[in-house]
Amino acid sequence: MIRLLLALAAASPIAAPTAAEPPLRLRDAQAMVAQAERTALAQKIPMSIVVVNQEGRVILAERMDGAAFQSVEVAQSKATTAGSLGIPTIEVEKAIAGGATNLLSLHGLVALAGGVPVFRDGQLIGGIGASGGSDEQDAAVAGAGAAALPKQ
């Protein structure tokens, strides 16, 4: 019986499953982080920059020389919040300040500027977060990164 199974396995090769290309690829994240880093360098602010997919899973994380170690986790949380809600984290901050305190019950939510959703062809595909500067600097760096998403 075992010989028969081995013979069948050798005679009929099984094709490896092919994975569909993800909506947000590593090369996309690399282009976005490169532009975000250039923006941070122009402001002379060491930052952490994180890109996540639509599931909130990290695709690429970078901590620039001199950036605080805590900034990596904050940048990831900003990216995940923006990528899951589809709005910049500054809008979450404004909503809570305006009385939408129910948002505070969402696990892992970060209401700090610097998280920007990433869209391709109108579809939410992830988020990018930056941390290490002021609210305005973080938002500008993340926004520059999101704008650098390559066309498909």
C-alpha atoms as a PDB file:
ATOM      1  CA  MET A   1       0.000   0.000   0.000  1.00  0.00           C
ATOM      2  CA  ILE A   2       2.790   2.407   0.902  1.00  0.00           C
ATOM      3  CA  ARG A   3       4.583   1.569  -2.358  1.00  0.00           C
ATOM      4  CA  LEU A   4       1.419   2.357  -4.290  1.00  0.00           C
ATOM      5  CA  LEU A   5       1.066   5.751  -2.564  1.00  0.00           C
ATOM      6  CA  LEU A   6       4.706   6.574  -3.223  1.00  0.00           C
ATOM      7  CA  ALA A   7       4.363   5.569  -6.863  1.00  0.00           C
ATOM      8  CA  LEU A   8       1.218   7.689  -7.266  1.00  0.00           C
ATOM      9  CA  ALA A   9       2.871  10.656  -5.603  1.00  0.00           C
ATOM     10  CA  ALA A  10       5.874  10.401  -7.922  1.00  0.00           C
ATOM     11  CA  ALA A  11       3.734   9.939 -11.026  1.00  0.00           C
ATOM     12  CA  SER A  12       1.359  12.854 -10.480  1.00  0.00           C
ATOM     13  CA  PRO A  13       3.126  16.001  -9.367  1.00  0.00           C
ATOM     14  CA  ILE A  14       1.029  18.361  -7.344  1.00  0.00           C
ATOM     15  CA  ALA A  15       1.284  21.959  -8.413  1.00  0.00           C
ATOM     16  CA  ALA A  16       2.207  24.341  -5.677  1.00  0.00           C
ATOM     17  CA  PRO A  17      -0.625  26.704  -4.845  1.00  0.00           C
ATOM     18  CA  THR A  18      -0.162  30.145  -6.311  1.00  0.00           C
ATOM     19  CA  ALA A  19      -0.833  33.048  -4.038  1.00  0.00           C
ATOM     20  CA  ALA A  20      -2.630  36.067  -5.364  1.00  0.00           C
ATOM     21  CA  GLU A  21      -0.541  39.198  -5.232  1.00  0.00           C
ATOM     22  CA  PRO A  22      -1.455  41.182  -2.126  1.00  0.00           C
ATOM     23  CA  PRO A  23      -3.070  44.599  -2.591  1.00  0.00           C
ATOM     24  CA  LEU A  24      -0.196  46.247  -0.700  1.00  0.00           C
ATOM     25  CA  ARG A  25       3.178  44.770  -1.617  1.00  0.00           C
ATOM     26  CA  LEU A  26       6.584  45.081   0.000  1.00  0.00           C
ATOM     27  CA  ARG A  27       7.842  47.193  -2.919  1.00  0.00           C
ATOM     28  CA  ASP A  28       4.889  49.557  -2.368  1.00  0.00           C
ATOM     29  CA  ALA A  29       5.780  49.878   1.310  1.00  0.00           C
ATOM     30  CA  GLN A  30       9.435  50.456   0.456  1.00  0.00           C
ATOM     31  CA  ALA A  31       8.553  53.339  -1.885  1.00  0.00           C
ATOM     32  CA  MET A  32       6.223  54.858   0.701  1.00  0.00           C
ATOM     33  CA  VAL A  33       8.739  54.596   3.548  1.00  0.00           C
ATOM     34  CA  ALA A  34      11.513  56.024   1.361  1.00  0.00           C
ATOM     35  CA  GLN A  35       9.433  59.132   0.618  1.00  0.00           C
ATOM     36  CA  ALA A  36       8.333  59.447   4.239  1.00  0.00           C
ATOM     37  CA  GLU A  37      11.958  59.206   5.354  1.00  0.00           C
ATOM     38  CA  ARG A  38      13.008  61.920   2.875  1.00  0.00           C
ATOM     39  CA  THR A  39      10.286  64.157   4.291  1.00  0.00           C
ATOM     40  CA  ALA A  40      11.407  63.487   7.871  1.00  0.00           C
ATOM     41  CA  LEU A  41      15.042  64.146   6.954  1.00  0.00           C
ATOM     42  CA  ALA A  42      14.071  67.453   5.327  1.00  0.00           C
ATOM     43  CA  GLN A  43      12.472  68.443   8.643  1.00  0.00           C
ATOM     44  CA  LYS A  44      15.544  67.159  10.537  1.00  0.00           C
ATOM     45  CA  ILE A  45      13.301  64.958  12.710  1.00  0.00           C
ATOM     46  CA  PRO A  46      14.295  61.338  13.433  1.00  0.00           C
ATOM     47  CA  MET A  47      11.129  59.246  13.178  1.00  0.00           C
ATOM     48  CA  SER A  48       9.761  55.749  13.026  1.00  0.00           C
ATOM     49  CA  ILE A  49       7.628  54.902  10.012  1.00  0.00           C
ATOM     50  CA  VAL A  50       5.448  51.799   9.726  1.00  0.00           C
ATOM     51  CA  VAL A  51       3.305  50.463   6.866  1.00  0.00           C
ATOM     52  CA  VAL A  52       0.595  47.879   7.573  1.00  0.00           C
ATOM     53  CA  ASN A  53      -1.754  45.977   5.294  1.00  0.00           C
ATOM     54  CA  GLN A  54      -5.548  46.004   5.520  1.00  0.00           C
ATOM     55  CA  GLU A  55      -5.368  43.404   8.305  1.00  0.00           C
ATOM     56  CA  GLY A  56      -3.086  45.624  10.373  1.00  0.00           C
ATOM     57  CA  ARG A  57      -0.076  43.347   9.805  1.00  0.00           C
ATOM     58  CA  VAL A  58       3.277  45.071   9.455  1.00  0.00           C
ATOM     59  CA  ILE A  59       4.736  45.049   5.959  1.00  0.00           C
ATOM     60  CA  LEU A  60       7.641  47.359   6.705  1.00  0.00           C
ATOM     61  CA  ALA A  61       8.881  49.219   9.767  1.00  0.00           C
ATOM     62  CA  GLU A  62      11.773  51.662   9.943  1.00  0.00           C
ATOM     63  CA  ARG A  63      13.298  53.448  12.901  1.00  0.00           C
ATOM     64  CA  MET A  64      15.579  56.235  11.797  1.00  0.00           C
ATOM     65  CA  ASP A  65      18.825  56.842  13.655  1.00  0.00           C
ATOM     66  CA  GLY A  66      18.048  58.893  16.737  1.00  0.00           C
ATOM     67  CA  ALA A  67      14.331  58.076  16.849  1.00  0.00           C
ATOM     68  CA  ALA A  68      12.976  57.106  20.263  1.00  0.00           C
ATOM     69  CA  PHE A  69      12.475  53.359  20.632  1.00  0.00           C
ATOM     70  CA  GLN A  70       8.848  53.898  21.707  1.00  0.00           C
ATOM     71  CA  SER A  71       8.103  55.643  18.432  1.00  0.00           C
ATOM     72  CA  VAL A  72       8.058  52.350  16.514  1.00  0.00           C
ATOM     73  CA  GLU A  73       5.102  51.021  18.490  1.00  0.00           C
ATOM     74  CA  VAL A  74       3.280  54.366  18.288  1.00  0.00           C
ATOM     75  CA  ALA A  75       3.808  54.551  14.510  1.00  0.00           C
ATOM     76  CA  GLN A  76       2.488  51.005  14.123  1.00  0.00           C
ATOM     77  CA  SER A  77      -0.608  51.809  16.170  1.00  0.00           C
ATOM     78  CA  LYS A  78      -1.240  54.938  14.093  1.00  0.00           C
ATOM     79  CA  ALA A  79      -0.896  52.956  10.855  1.00  0.00           C
ATOM     80  CA  THR A  80      -3.210  50.221  12.125  1.00  0.00           C
ATOM     81  CA  THR A  81      -5.852  52.699  13.300  1.00  0.00           C
ATOM     82  CA  ALA A  82      -5.844  54.592   9.995  1.00  0.00           C
ATOM     83  CA  GLY A  83      -5.741  51.393   7.981  1.00  0.00           C
ATOM     84  CA  SER A  84      -8.652  49.803   9.804  1.00  0.00           C
ATOM     85  CA  LEU A  85     -10.934  52.849   9.991  1.00  0.00           C
ATOM     86  CA  GLY A  86     -10.037  54.336   6.609  1.00  0.00           C
ATOM     87  CA  ILE A  87      -9.530  57.837   8.005  1.00  0.00           C
ATOM     88  CA  PRO A  88      -6.474  59.764   9.186  1.00  0.00           C
ATOM     89  CA  THR A  89      -5.838  59.444  12.901  1.00  0.00           C
ATOM     90  CA  ILE A  90      -6.123  63.225  13.309  1.00  0.00           C
ATOM     91  CA  GLU A  91      -9.807  62.795  12.381  1.00  0.00           C
ATOM     92  CA  VAL A  92     -10.180  60.208  15.149  1.00  0.00           C
ATOM     93  CA  GLU A  93      -8.623  62.681  17.571  1.00  0.00           C
ATOM     94  CA  LYS A  94     -11.059  65.390  16.436  1.00  0.00           C
ATOM     95  CA  ALA A  95     -14.053  63.041  16.682  1.00  0.00           C
ATOM     96  CA  ILE A  96     -13.210  62.104  20.256  1.00  0.00           C
ATOM     97  CA  ALA A  97     -12.631  65.751  21.166  1.00  0.00           C
ATOM     98  CA  GLY A  98     -16.050  66.452  19.632  1.00  0.00           C
ATOM     99  CA  GLY A  99     -17.764  63.951  21.899  1.00  0.00           C
ATOM    100  CA  ALA A 100     -17.500  60.631  20.055  1.00  0.00           C
ATOM    101  CA  THR A 101     -16.100  58.957  23.154  1.00  0.00           C
ATOM    102  CA  ASN A 102     -17.498  55.584  22.030  1.00  0.00           C
ATOM    103  CA  LEU A 103     -14.423  55.372  19.782  1.00  0.00           C
ATOM    104  CA  LEU A 104     -12.343  54.918  22.914  1.00  0.00           C
ATOM    105  CA  SER A 105     -13.813  51.427  23.295  1.00  0.00           C
ATOM    106  CA  LEU A 106     -12.113  50.218  20.102  1.00  0.00           C
ATOM    107  CA  HIS A 107      -9.178  48.009  21.018  1.00  0.00           C
ATOM    108  CA  GLY A 108      -5.826  49.445  19.970  1.00  0.00           C
ATOM    109  CA  LEU A 109      -7.220  52.729  18.703  1.00  0.00           C
ATOM    110  CA  VAL A 110      -4.758  55.616  18.622  1.00  0.00           C
ATOM    111  CA  ALA A 111      -6.104  59.152  18.464  1.00  0.00           C
ATOM    112  CA  LEU A 112      -2.865  60.951  17.631  1.00  0.00           C
ATOM    113  CA  ALA A 113      -2.000  62.648  14.349  1.00  0.00           C
ATOM    114  CA  GLY A 114       0.393  60.782  12.091  1.00  0.00           C
ATOM    115  CA  GLY A 115      -1.627  57.835  10.771  1.00  0.00           C
ATOM    116  CA  VAL A 116      -2.928  57.916   7.198  1.00  0.00           C
ATOM    117  CA  PRO A 117      -4.997  55.292   5.380  1.00  0.00           C
ATOM    118  CA  VAL A 118      -3.663  53.936   2.092  1.00  0.00           C
ATOM    119  CA  PHE A 119      -6.063  53.530  -0.819  1.00  0.00           C
ATOM    120  CA  ARG A 120      -5.568  52.026  -4.273  1.00  0.00           C
ATOM    121  CA  ASP A 121      -8.286  52.501  -6.859  1.00  0.00           C
ATOM    122  CA  GLY A 122     -10.664  53.601  -4.117  1.00  0.00           C
ATOM    123  CA  GLN A 123     -10.077  50.461  -2.036  1.00  0.00           C
ATOM    124  CA  LEU A 124      -8.610  50.651   1.457  1.00  0.00           C
ATOM    125  CA  ILE A 125      -5.470  48.494   1.407  1.00  0.00           C
ATOM    126  CA  GLY A 126      -3.599  49.531   4.542  1.00  0.00           C
ATOM    127  CA  GLY A 127      -2.142  52.397   6.515  1.00  0.00           C
ATOM    128  CA  ILE A 128       1.072  54.261   7.191  1.00  0.00           C
ATOM    129  CA  GLY A 129       2.070  55.776  10.505  1.00  0.00           C
ATOM    130  CA  ALA A 130       4.853  58.132  11.539  1.00  0.00           C
ATOM    131  CA  SER A 131       5.970  59.057  15.034  1.00  0.00           C
ATOM    132  CA  GLY A 132       8.728  61.178  16.490  1.00  0.00           C
ATOM    133  CA  GLY A 133       7.783  64.764  15.743  1.00  0.00           C
ATOM    134  CA  SER A 134       4.893  67.094  16.466  1.00  0.00           C
ATOM    135  CA  ASP A 135       1.364  66.217  15.351  1.00  0.00           C
ATOM    136  CA  GLU A 136       1.834  68.318  12.215  1.00  0.00           C
ATOM    137  CA  GLN A 137       5.221  66.776  11.419  1.00  0.00           C
ATOM    138  CA  ASP A 138       4.014  63.216  11.944  1.00  0.00           C
ATOM    139  CA  ALA A 139       0.954  63.842   9.756  1.00  0.00           C
ATOM    140  CA  ALA A 140       3.066  65.453   7.015  1.00  0.00           C
ATOM    141  CA  VAL A 141       5.547  62.554   6.966  1.00  0.00           C
ATOM    142  CA  ALA A 142       2.808  59.900   6.879  1.00  0.00           C
ATOM    143  CA  GLY A 143       0.895  61.848   4.236  1.00  0.00           C
ATOM    144  CA  ALA A 144       3.980  62.129   2.039  1.00  0.00           C
ATOM    145  CA  GLY A 145       4.506  58.389   2.366  1.00  0.00           C
ATOM    146  CA  ALA A 146       0.917  57.562   1.468  1.00  0.00           C
ATOM    147  CA  ALA A 147       1.096  59.857  -1.565  1.00  0.00           C
ATOM    148  CA  ALA A 148       4.134  57.907  -2.809  1.00  0.00           C
ATOM    149  CA  LEU A 149       2.156  54.674  -3.256  1.00  0.00           C
ATOM    150  CA  PRO A 150       3.218  53.435  -6.699  1.00  0.00           C
ATOM    151  CA  LYS A 151       0.588  52.886  -9.352  1.00  0.00           C
ATOM    152  CA  GLN A 152      -0.131  49.212  -9.843  1.00  0.00           C
END
